[in-house]
Amino acid sequence: MAKLEQTIHGNFQEVLNRIESGIINGSMSASLEDSSDFRTGDARCSVRVFERYSYAGGNRVSLNVTLFQVGDGVIHLSAITSGGSQAIFFKLNTWGEEAFLDKLRELL
């Protein structure tokens, strides 16, 4: 599992659109598996779950991205990958997870 957390300045919808299109167009096998959006008062939260095939690991990995913003404040981003391990009892070969997260880092 790999994780990225940071704050971003900008327009919430533009950041979300950039992430969605960048991840999907950044890999032949990438797909948006599901999404969820919430609003309460002036708070906003969007969750996206992406998946793609990892040639390095020989398996599929997922990337879960959550954006949260109150009013026009900073956007909080949390991104977590999973599924890149091939071992039964401990994690081996997490290159695919790191590579998926690196693609998100490029977009930001």
Protein backbone atom coordinates (compact mmCIF):
# COMPACT_ATOMS: atom_id res chain seq x y z
CA MET A 1 0.00 0.00 0.00
CA ALA A 2 1.21 3.48 -0.84
CA LYS A 3 -0.31 6.73 0.37
CA LEU A 4 -0.17 10.41 -0.57
CA GLU A 5 -1.75 13.20 1.47
CA GLN A 6 -1.46 16.89 0.70
CA THR A 7 -3.33 20.18 0.44
CA ILE A 8 -3.99 21.84 -2.89
CA HIS A 9 -4.99 25.37 -3.82
CA GLY A 10 -7.37 25.74 -6.73
CA ASN A 11 -10.83 25.11 -8.05
CA PHE A 12 -12.28 21.86 -6.66
CA GLN A 13 -14.02 20.78 -9.87
CA GLU A 14 -11.00 21.59 -12.04
CA VAL A 15 -8.70 19.56 -9.77
CA LEU A 16 -11.14 16.64 -9.78
CA ASN A 17 -11.50 16.76 -13.57
CA ARG A 18 -7.71 16.90 -14.04
CA ILE A 19 -7.26 13.84 -11.82
CA GLU A 20 -10.04 11.84 -13.50
CA SER A 21 -8.94 12.54 -17.07
CA GLY A 22 -5.23 12.26 -16.27
CA ILE A 23 -5.53 8.86 -14.62
CA ILE A 24 -7.89 7.41 -17.23
CA ASN A 25 -5.92 8.77 -20.19
CA GLY A 26 -2.56 7.96 -18.57
CA SER A 27 -2.83 4.19 -19.02
CA MET A 28 -4.45 1.89 -21.58
CA SER A 29 -5.84 -0.30 -18.82
CA ALA A 30 -6.95 2.42 -16.36
CA SER A 31 -10.63 2.72 -15.55
CA LEU A 32 -12.84 4.63 -13.15
CA GLU A 33 -14.48 1.85 -11.13
CA ASP A 34 -16.82 3.99 -9.05
CA SER A 35 -17.33 7.45 -7.62
CA SER A 36 -19.18 9.22 -4.85
CA ASP A 37 -19.85 12.89 -4.16
CA PHE A 38 -21.15 14.56 -0.99
CA ARG A 39 -22.14 18.11 -0.07
CA THR A 40 -23.15 19.41 3.34
CA GLY A 41 -23.46 23.14 3.75
CA ASP A 42 -20.34 24.58 2.18
CA ALA A 43 -18.32 21.35 2.62
CA ARG A 44 -17.68 19.12 -0.37
CA CYS A 45 -16.18 15.63 -0.66
CA SER A 46 -15.49 13.49 -3.75
CA VAL A 47 -14.21 9.92 -3.77
CA ARG A 48 -12.88 8.17 -6.89
CA VAL A 49 -11.74 4.56 -7.23
CA PHE A 50 -9.52 3.78 -10.22
CA GLU A 51 -8.02 0.49 -11.30
CA ARG A 52 -5.35 -0.49 -13.80
CA TYR A 53 -3.17 -3.41 -14.77
CA SER A 54 0.40 -3.32 -13.44
CA TYR A 55 2.88 -4.86 -15.86
CA ALA A 56 5.59 -4.71 -13.19
CA GLY A 57 3.52 -6.71 -10.72
CA GLY A 58 1.52 -8.78 -13.17
CA ASN A 59 -1.74 -7.90 -11.44
CA ARG A 60 -4.36 -5.16 -11.08
CA VAL A 61 -3.94 -2.30 -8.61
CA SER A 62 -6.45 0.22 -7.33
CA LEU A 63 -6.09 3.91 -6.52
CA ASN A 64 -8.59 5.54 -4.19
CA VAL A 65 -8.63 9.35 -4.30
CA THR A 66 -10.56 11.52 -1.85
CA LEU A 67 -10.86 15.30 -2.18
CA PHE A 68 -12.36 17.41 0.62
CA GLN A 69 -12.94 21.17 0.79
CA VAL A 70 -14.83 23.55 3.06
CA GLY A 71 -16.00 26.74 1.34
CA ASP A 72 -13.26 28.16 -0.83
CA GLY A 73 -10.48 26.88 1.45
CA VAL A 74 -7.70 24.51 0.57
CA ILE A 75 -8.51 21.16 -0.97
CA HIS A 76 -7.40 18.19 1.12
CA LEU A 77 -6.34 15.17 -0.93
CA SER A 78 -5.85 11.63 0.31
CA ALA A 79 -4.81 8.94 -2.19
CA ILE A 80 -4.22 5.31 -1.28
CA THR A 81 -3.26 2.43 -3.56
CA SER A 82 -3.73 -1.28 -2.93
CA GLY A 83 -3.70 -4.65 -4.61
CA GLY A 84 -0.12 -4.69 -5.82
CA SER A 85 1.17 -7.50 -3.63
CA GLN A 86 1.56 -11.10 -4.75
CA ALA A 87 2.36 -12.71 -1.40
CA ILE A 88 -0.09 -14.47 0.91
CA PHE A 89 1.04 -13.37 4.37
CA PHE A 90 3.10 -10.21 3.74
CA LYS A 91 3.53 -7.62 1.01
CA LEU A 92 5.95 -8.26 -1.82
CA ASN A 93 6.33 -6.41 -5.10
CA THR A 94 4.48 -3.15 -4.49
CA TRP A 95 6.05 -1.43 -7.55
CA GLY A 96 2.70 -1.24 -9.32
CA GLU A 97 1.13 0.61 -6.41
CA GLU A 98 3.96 3.15 -6.27
CA ALA A 99 3.84 3.65 -10.05
CA PHE A 100 0.09 4.31 -9.93
CA LEU A 101 0.58 6.89 -7.17
CA ASP A 102 3.47 8.48 -9.13
CA LYS A 103 1.04 9.11 -12.00
CA LEU A 104 -1.20 11.07 -9.61
CA ARG A 105 1.83 13.02 -8.32
CA GLU A 106 2.61 14.05 -11.92
CA LEU A 107 -0.94 15.35 -12.38
CA LEU A 108 -0.80 17.44 -9.22
